[in-house]
PDB file of N, CA and C in Angstrom:
ATOM      1  N   MET A   1     -57.007 -49.666 -36.746  1.00  0.00           N
ATOM      2  CA  MET A   1     -58.085 -48.739 -37.034  1.00  0.00           C
ATOM      3  C   MET A   1     -57.750 -47.964 -38.301  1.00  0.00           C
ATOM      4  N   SER A   2     -58.738 -47.692 -39.083  1.00  0.00           N
ATOM      5  CA  SER A   2     -58.546 -46.885 -40.283  1.00  0.00           C
ATOM      6  C   SER A   2     -59.717 -45.939 -40.434  1.00  0.00           C
ATOM      7  N   THR A   3     -59.518 -44.985 -41.306  1.00  0.00           N
ATOM      8  CA  THR A   3     -60.556 -44.010 -41.583  1.00  0.00           C
ATOM      9  C   THR A   3     -60.489 -43.646 -43.057  1.00  0.00           C
ATOM     10  N   THR A   4     -61.466 -42.969 -43.523  1.00  0.00           N
ATOM     11  CA  THR A   4     -61.518 -42.557 -44.921  1.00  0.00           C
ATOM     12  C   THR A   4     -61.265 -41.060 -45.002  1.00  0.00           C
ATOM     13  N   ILE A   5     -60.446 -40.662 -45.956  1.00  0.00           N
ATOM     14  CA  ILE A   5     -60.247 -39.236 -46.220  1.00  0.00           C
ATOM     15  C   ILE A   5     -60.624 -38.969 -47.670  1.00  0.00           C
ATOM     16  N   ARG A   6     -61.108 -37.800 -47.907  1.00  0.00           N
ATOM     17  CA  ARG A   6     -61.463 -37.413 -49.271  1.00  0.00           C
ATOM     18  C   ARG A   6     -60.325 -36.595 -49.869  1.00  0.00           C
ATOM     19  N   VAL A   7     -59.959 -36.961 -51.076  1.00  0.00           N
ATOM     20  CA  VAL A   7     -58.977 -36.185 -51.825  1.00  0.00           C
ATOM     21  C   VAL A   7     -59.531 -35.989 -53.228  1.00  0.00           C
ATOM     22  N   ASP A   8     -59.070 -34.953 -53.873  1.00  0.00           N
ATOM     23  CA  ASP A   8     -59.528 -34.721 -55.242  1.00  0.00           C
ATOM     24  C   ASP A   8     -58.923 -35.776 -56.171  1.00  0.00           C
ATOM     25  N   ALA A   9     -59.494 -35.895 -57.339  1.00  0.00           N
ATOM     26  CA  ALA A   9     -59.088 -36.936 -58.288  1.00  0.00           C
ATOM     27  C   ALA A   9     -57.618 -36.807 -58.696  1.00  0.00           C
ATOM     28  N   GLU A  10     -57.139 -35.598 -58.845  1.00  0.00           N
ATOM     29  CA  GLU A  10     -55.742 -35.393 -59.247  1.00  0.00           C
ATOM     30  C   GLU A  10     -54.780 -35.885 -58.157  1.00  0.00           C
ATOM     31  N   THR A  11     -55.087 -35.575 -56.909  1.00  0.00           N
ATOM     32  CA  THR A  11     -54.249 -36.032 -55.793  1.00  0.00           C
ATOM     33  C   THR A  11     -54.270 -37.547 -55.707  1.00  0.00           C
ATOM     34  N   HIS A  12     -55.447 -38.132 -55.858  1.00  0.00           N
ATOM     35  CA  HIS A  12     -55.570 -39.589 -55.820  1.00  0.00           C
ATOM     36  C   HIS A  12     -54.729 -40.223 -56.924  1.00  0.00           C
ATOM     37  N   ALA A  13     -54.813 -39.658 -58.113  1.00  0.00           N
ATOM     38  CA  ALA A  13     -54.048 -40.193 -59.247  1.00  0.00           C
ATOM     39  C   ALA A  13     -52.550 -40.116 -58.976  1.00  0.00           C
ATOM     40  N   ARG A  14     -52.094 -39.022 -58.370  1.00  0.00           N
ATOM     41  CA  ARG A  14     -50.676 -38.886 -58.045  1.00  0.00           C
ATOM     42  C   ARG A  14     -50.252 -39.912 -57.005  1.00  0.00           C
ATOM     43  N   LEU A  15     -51.102 -40.121 -56.007  1.00  0.00           N
ATOM     44  CA  LEU A  15     -50.791 -41.112 -54.978  1.00  0.00           C
ATOM     45  C   LEU A  15     -50.728 -42.517 -55.569  1.00  0.00           C
ATOM     46  N   VAL A  16     -51.660 -42.821 -56.441  1.00  0.00           N
ATOM     47  CA  VAL A  16     -51.661 -44.135 -57.092  1.00  0.00           C
ATOM     48  C   VAL A  16     -50.395 -44.299 -57.935  1.00  0.00           C
ATOM     49  N   GLU A  17     -50.030 -43.263 -58.663  1.00  0.00           N
ATOM     50  CA  GLU A  17     -48.818 -43.309 -59.489  1.00  0.00           C
ATOM     51  C   GLU A  17     -47.581 -43.535 -58.624  1.00  0.00           C
ATOM     52  N   LEU A  18     -47.497 -42.812 -57.510  1.00  0.00           N
ATOM     53  CA  LEU A  18     -46.363 -42.984 -56.604  1.00  0.00           C
ATOM     54  C   LEU A  18     -46.321 -44.386 -56.016  1.00  0.00           C
ATOM     55  N   SER A  19     -47.466 -44.906 -55.625  1.00  0.00           N
ATOM     56  CA  SER A  19     -47.486 -46.240 -55.019  1.00  0.00           C
ATOM     57  C   SER A  19     -47.138 -47.316 -56.042  1.00  0.00           C
ATOM     58  N   ARG A  20     -47.597 -47.171 -57.263  1.00  0.00           N
ATOM     59  CA  ARG A  20     -47.273 -48.146 -58.304  1.00  0.00           C
ATOM     60  C   ARG A  20     -45.783 -48.110 -58.651  1.00  0.00           C
ATOM     61  N   ALA A  21     -45.210 -46.930 -58.639  1.00  0.00           N
ATOM     62  CA  ALA A  21     -43.794 -46.799 -58.990  1.00  0.00           C
ATOM     63  C   ALA A  21     -42.893 -47.509 -57.993  1.00  0.00           C
ATOM     64  N   THR A  22     -43.329 -47.585 -56.745  1.00  0.00           N
ATOM     65  CA  THR A  22     -42.504 -48.214 -55.713  1.00  0.00           C
ATOM     66  C   THR A  22     -42.992 -49.603 -55.336  1.00  0.00           C
ATOM     67  N   GLY A  23     -44.194 -49.934 -55.758  1.00  0.00           N
ATOM     68  CA  GLY A  23     -44.773 -51.222 -55.375  1.00  0.00           C
ATOM     69  C   GLY A  23     -45.367 -51.212 -53.981  1.00  0.00           C
ATOM     70  N   ASP A  24     -45.435 -50.034 -53.369  1.00  0.00           N
ATOM     71  CA  ASP A  24     -46.023 -49.906 -52.038  1.00  0.00           C
ATOM     72  C   ASP A  24     -47.538 -49.822 -52.145  1.00  0.00           C
ATOM     73  N   SER A  25     -48.187 -50.114 -51.036  1.00  0.00           N
ATOM     74  CA  SER A  25     -49.637 -49.948 -50.995  1.00  0.00           C
ATOM     75  C   SER A  25     -49.963 -48.452 -50.973  1.00  0.00           C
ATOM     76  N   LEU A  26     -51.185 -48.132 -51.278  1.00  0.00           N
ATOM     77  CA  LEU A  26     -51.616 -46.739 -51.263  1.00  0.00           C
ATOM     78  C   LEU A  26     -51.493 -46.168 -49.849  1.00  0.00           C
ATOM     79  N   ILE A  27     -51.871 -46.933 -48.845  1.00  0.00           N
ATOM     80  CA  ILE A  27     -51.773 -46.434 -47.472  1.00  0.00           C
ATOM     81  C   ILE A  27     -50.319 -46.218 -47.067  1.00  0.00           C
ATOM     82  N   ASP A  28     -49.406 -47.095 -47.500  1.00  0.00           N
ATOM     83  CA  ASP A  28     -47.988 -46.887 -47.194  1.00  0.00           C
ATOM     84  C   ASP A  28     -47.461 -45.630 -47.874  1.00  0.00           C
ATOM     85  N   THR A  29     -47.928 -45.373 -49.073  1.00  0.00           N
ATOM     86  CA  THR A  29     -47.523 -44.168 -49.795  1.00  0.00           C
ATOM     87  C   THR A  29     -48.024 -42.925 -49.085  1.00  0.00           C
ATOM     88  N   VAL A  30     -49.265 -42.954 -48.635  1.00  0.00           N
ATOM     89  CA  VAL A  30     -49.820 -41.813 -47.896  1.00  0.00           C
ATOM     90  C   VAL A  30     -49.060 -41.637 -46.583  1.00  0.00           C
ATOM     91  N   ARG A  31     -48.764 -42.720 -45.904  1.00  0.00           N
ATOM     92  CA  ARG A  31     -48.015 -42.660 -44.640  1.00  0.00           C
ATOM     93  C   ARG A  31     -46.632 -42.055 -44.882  1.00  0.00           C
ATOM     94  N   ASP A  32     -45.946 -42.521 -45.931  1.00  0.00           N
ATOM     95  CA  ASP A  32     -44.615 -41.990 -46.249  1.00  0.00           C
ATOM     96  C   ASP A  32     -44.684 -40.506 -46.625  1.00  0.00           C
ATOM     97  N   ALA A  33     -45.693 -40.134 -47.380  1.00  0.00           N
ATOM     98  CA  ALA A  33     -45.838 -38.736 -47.786  1.00  0.00           C
ATOM     99  C   ALA A  33     -46.109 -37.849 -46.571  1.00  0.00           C
ATOM    100  N   THR A  34     -46.908 -38.346 -45.652  1.00  0.00           N
ATOM    101  CA  THR A  34     -47.198 -37.603 -44.428  1.00  0.00           C
ATOM    102  C   THR A  34     -45.939 -37.406 -43.603  1.00  0.00           C
ATOM    103  N   GLU A  35     -45.142 -38.460 -43.467  1.00  0.00           N
ATOM    104  CA  GLU A  35     -43.904 -38.359 -42.707  1.00  0.00           C
ATOM    105  C   GLU A  35     -42.919 -37.406 -43.390  1.00  0.00           C
ATOM    106  N   ALA A  36     -42.839 -37.469 -44.711  1.00  0.00           N
ATOM    107  CA  ALA A  36     -41.945 -36.565 -45.447  1.00  0.00           C
ATOM    108  C   ALA A  36     -42.368 -35.110 -45.245  1.00  0.00           C
ATOM    109  N   LEU A  37     -43.666 -34.847 -45.270  1.00  0.00           N
ATOM    110  CA  LEU A  37     -44.158 -33.486 -45.056  1.00  0.00           C
ATOM    111  C   LEU A  37     -43.880 -33.030 -43.628  1.00  0.00           C
ATOM    112  N   ARG A  38     -44.059 -33.925 -42.651  1.00  0.00           N
ATOM    113  CA  ARG A  38     -43.784 -33.582 -41.261  1.00  0.00           C
ATOM    114  C   ARG A  38     -42.317 -33.199 -41.092  1.00  0.00           C
ATOM    115  N   ARG A  39     -41.431 -33.985 -41.690  1.00  0.00           N
ATOM    116  CA  ARG A  39     -39.997 -33.708 -41.594  1.00  0.00           C
ATOM    117  C   ARG A  39     -39.630 -32.412 -42.311  1.00  0.00           C
ATOM    118  N   GLN A  40     -40.234 -32.189 -43.467  1.00  0.00           N
ATOM    119  CA  GLN A  40     -39.960 -30.966 -44.224  1.00  0.00           C
ATOM    120  C   GLN A  40     -40.372 -29.735 -43.426  1.00  0.00           C
ATOM    121  N   ARG A  41     -41.546 -29.786 -42.814  1.00  0.00           N
ATOM    122  CA  ARG A  41     -42.014 -28.642 -42.026  1.00  0.00           C
ATOM    123  C   ARG A  41     -41.157 -28.431 -40.789  1.00  0.00           C
ATOM    124  N   PHE A  42     -40.713 -29.513 -40.153  1.00  0.00           N
ATOM    125  CA  PHE A  42     -39.819 -29.396 -39.006  1.00  0.00           C
ATOM    126  C   PHE A  42     -38.519 -28.716 -39.433  1.00  0.00           C
ATOM    127  N   ALA A  43     -37.940 -29.170 -40.534  1.00  0.00           N
ATOM    128  CA  ALA A  43     -36.683 -28.593 -41.028  1.00  0.00           C
ATOM    129  C   ALA A  43     -36.864 -27.120 -41.373  1.00  0.00           C
ATOM    130  N   SER A  44     -37.996 -26.769 -41.932  1.00  0.00           N
ATOM    131  CA  SER A  44     -38.261 -25.362 -42.263  1.00  0.00           C
ATOM    132  C   SER A  44     -38.337 -24.511 -41.005  1.00  0.00           C
ATOM    133  N   ARG A  45     -38.976 -25.041 -39.959  1.00  0.00           N
ATOM    134  CA  ARG A  45     -39.056 -24.305 -38.690  1.00  0.00           C
ATOM    135  C   ARG A  45     -37.669 -24.121 -38.080  1.00  0.00           C
ATOM    136  N   VAL A  46     -36.865 -25.171 -38.109  1.00  0.00           N
ATOM    137  CA  VAL A  46     -35.512 -25.077 -37.564  1.00  0.00           C
ATOM    138  C   VAL A  46     -34.708 -24.041 -38.353  1.00  0.00           C
ATOM    139  N   ALA A  47     -34.796 -24.095 -39.666  1.00  0.00           N
ATOM    140  CA  ALA A  47     -34.059 -23.138 -40.503  1.00  0.00           C
ATOM    141  C   ALA A  47     -34.500 -21.702 -40.211  1.00  0.00           C
ATOM    142  N   ALA A  48     -35.805 -21.494 -40.040  1.00  0.00           N
ATOM    143  CA  ALA A  48     -36.317 -20.151 -39.744  1.00  0.00           C
ATOM    144  C   ALA A  48     -35.835 -19.682 -38.371  1.00  0.00           C
ATOM    145  N   GLU A  49     -35.826 -20.583 -37.399  1.00  0.00           N
ATOM    146  CA  GLU A  49     -35.356 -20.216 -36.065  1.00  0.00           C
ATOM    147  C   GLU A  49     -33.858 -19.894 -36.077  1.00  0.00           C
ATOM    148  N   LEU A  50     -33.084 -20.657 -36.829  1.00  0.00           N
ATOM    149  CA  LEU A  50     -31.655 -20.360 -36.942  1.00  0.00           C
ATOM    150  C   LEU A  50     -31.419 -19.021 -37.627  1.00  0.00           C
ATOM    151  N   GLU A  51     -32.216 -18.744 -38.635  1.00  0.00           N
ATOM    152  CA  GLU A  51     -32.072 -17.462 -39.334  1.00  0.00           C
ATOM    153  C   GLU A  51     -32.405 -16.309 -38.399  1.00  0.00           C
ATOM    154  N   THR A  52     -33.428 -16.454 -37.582  1.00  0.00           N
ATOM    155  CA  THR A  52     -33.772 -15.433 -36.593  1.00  0.00           C
ATOM    156  C   THR A  52     -32.628 -15.260 -35.606  1.00  0.00           C
ATOM    157  N   LEU A  53     -32.053 -16.363 -35.173  1.00  0.00           N
ATOM    158  CA  LEU A  53     -30.936 -16.313 -34.242  1.00  0.00           C
ATOM    159  C   LEU A  53     -29.737 -15.598 -34.864  1.00  0.00           C
ATOM    160  N   ARG A  54     -29.488 -15.834 -36.146  1.00  0.00           N
ATOM    161  CA  ARG A  54     -28.351 -15.194 -36.835  1.00  0.00           C
ATOM    162  C   ARG A  54     -28.502 -13.671 -36.883  1.00  0.00           C
ATOM    163  N   GLN A  55     -29.728 -13.198 -36.834  1.00  0.00           N
ATOM    164  CA  GLN A  55     -29.970 -11.757 -36.904  1.00  0.00           C
ATOM    165  C   GLN A  55     -29.494 -11.042 -35.644  1.00  0.00           C
ATOM    166  N   ASP A  56     -29.387 -11.776 -34.557  1.00  0.00           N
ATOM    167  CA  ASP A  56     -28.898 -11.220 -33.294  1.00  0.00           C
ATOM    168  C   ASP A  56     -27.459 -11.713 -33.112  1.00  0.00           C
ATOM    169  N   GLU A  57     -26.496 -10.854 -33.418  1.00  0.00           N
ATOM    170  CA  GLU A  57     -25.086 -11.252 -33.440  1.00  0.00           C
ATOM    171  C   GLU A  57     -24.637 -11.849 -32.108  1.00  0.00           C
ATOM    172  N   SER A  58     -25.025 -11.254 -31.012  1.00  0.00           N
ATOM    173  CA  SER A  58     -24.627 -11.753 -29.696  1.00  0.00           C
ATOM    174  C   SER A  58     -25.216 -13.144 -29.441  1.00  0.00           C
ATOM    175  N   ALA A  59     -26.492 -13.313 -29.738  1.00  0.00           N
ATOM    176  CA  ALA A  59     -27.147 -14.612 -29.544  1.00  0.00           C
ATOM    177  C   ALA A  59     -26.536 -15.663 -30.463  1.00  0.00           C
ATOM    178  N   TRP A  60     -26.197 -15.270 -31.684  1.00  0.00           N
ATOM    179  CA  TRP A  60     -25.600 -16.202 -32.637  1.00  0.00           C
ATOM    180  C   TRP A  60     -24.220 -16.658 -32.145  1.00  0.00           C
ATOM    181  N   GLN A  61     -23.431 -15.741 -31.644  1.00  0.00           N
ATOM    182  CA  GLN A  61     -22.111 -16.104 -31.126  1.00  0.00           C
ATOM    183  C   GLN A  61     -22.235 -17.015 -29.900  1.00  0.00           C
ATOM    184  N   ASP A  62     -23.220 -16.741 -29.054  1.00  0.00           N
ATOM    185  CA  ASP A  62     -23.478 -17.621 -27.905  1.00  0.00           C
ATOM    186  C   ASP A  62     -23.853 -19.022 -28.382  1.00  0.00           C
ATOM    187  N   TYR A  63     -24.683 -19.078 -29.404  1.00  0.00           N
ATOM    188  CA  TYR A  63     -25.103 -20.368 -29.960  1.00  0.00           C
ATOM    189  C   TYR A  63     -23.894 -21.142 -30.496  1.00  0.00           C
ATOM    190  N   LEU A  64     -23.061 -20.458 -31.269  1.00  0.00           N
ATOM    191  CA  LEU A  64     -21.878 -21.110 -31.834  1.00  0.00           C
ATOM    192  C   LEU A  64     -20.932 -21.583 -30.739  1.00  0.00           C
ATOM    193  N   SER A  65     -20.784 -20.782 -29.707  1.00  0.00           N
ATOM    194  CA  SER A  65     -19.921 -21.155 -28.590  1.00  0.00           C
ATOM    195  C   SER A  65     -20.474 -22.392 -27.879  1.00  0.00           C
ATOM    196  N   ASP A  66     -21.769 -22.388 -27.608  1.00  0.00           N
ATOM    197  CA  ASP A  66     -22.401 -23.550 -26.970  1.00  0.00           C
ATOM    198  C   ASP A  66     -22.260 -24.795 -27.842  1.00  0.00           C
ATOM    199  N   ALA A  67     -22.448 -24.625 -29.135  1.00  0.00           N
ATOM    200  CA  ALA A  67     -22.340 -25.759 -30.052  1.00  0.00           C
ATOM    201  C   ALA A  67     -20.931 -26.336 -30.041  1.00  0.00           C
ATOM    202  N   ALA A  68     -19.938 -25.474 -30.008  1.00  0.00           N
ATOM    203  CA  ALA A  68     -18.544 -25.936 -29.994  1.00  0.00           C
ATOM    204  C   ALA A  68     -18.227 -26.672 -28.699  1.00  0.00           C
ATOM    205  N   GLN A  69     -18.795 -26.206 -27.595  1.00  0.00           N
ATOM    206  CA  GLN A  69     -18.532 -26.829 -26.294  1.00  0.00           C
ATOM    207  C   GLN A  69     -19.204 -28.186 -26.152  1.00  0.00           C
ATOM    208  N   THR A  70     -20.281 -28.395 -26.858  1.00  0.00           N
ATOM    209  CA  THR A  70     -21.018 -29.657 -26.726  1.00  0.00           C
ATOM    210  C   THR A  70     -20.800 -30.579 -27.916  1.00  0.00           C
ATOM    211  N   GLU A  71     -19.867 -30.228 -28.774  1.00  0.00           N
ATOM    212  CA  GLU A  71     -19.583 -31.019 -29.959  1.00  0.00           C
ATOM    213  C   GLU A  71     -19.082 -32.415 -29.561  1.00  0.00           C
ATOM    214  N   VAL A  72     -19.611 -33.412 -30.229  1.00  0.00           N
ATOM    215  CA  VAL A  72     -19.204 -34.783 -29.991  1.00  0.00           C
ATOM    216  C   VAL A  72     -18.542 -35.297 -31.258  1.00  0.00           C
ATOM    217  N   GLY A  73     -17.315 -35.742 -31.110  1.00  0.00           N
ATOM    218  CA  GLY A  73     -16.571 -36.235 -32.263  1.00  0.00           C
ATOM    219  C   GLY A  73     -17.120 -37.574 -32.758  1.00  0.00           C
ATOM    220  N   ASP A  74     -16.845 -37.857 -33.993  1.00  0.00           N
ATOM    221  CA  ASP A  74     -17.294 -39.139 -34.559  1.00  0.00           C
ATOM    222  C   ASP A  74     -16.269 -40.248 -34.376  1.00  0.00           C
ATOM    223  N   GLY A  75     -15.123 -39.914 -33.761  1.00  0.00           N
ATOM    224  CA  GLY A  75     -14.103 -40.917 -33.517  1.00  0.00           C
ATOM    225  C   GLY A  75     -13.188 -41.168 -34.699  1.00  0.00           C
ATOM    226  N   LEU A  76     -13.435 -40.464 -35.788  1.00  0.00           N
ATOM    227  CA  LEU A  76     -12.600 -40.616 -36.981  1.00  0.00           C
ATOM    228  C   LEU A  76     -11.580 -39.485 -37.007  1.00  0.00           C
ATOM    229  N   ASP A  77     -10.332 -39.843 -37.120  1.00  0.00           N
ATOM    230  CA  ASP A  77      -9.280 -38.808 -37.173  1.00  0.00           C
ATOM    231  C   ASP A  77      -8.526 -38.854 -38.456  1.00  0.00           C
TER     232      ASP A  77
END
């Protein structure tokens, strides 16, 4: 299934430029851009939540303690 979205000419031109640079289709470029934006926003939310946690010294120390207790080694020594 597919649908049509409207974008301004400048955005379309940028998408076309990006797709040509990689040899990907326009839809693959839009899909990749959407996924990159989703990941960026997720990372921003995580960073903001960690910053909020750091503001509460007791909660931050609890977090660090929990993280240390659940740490999983990579097996490399």
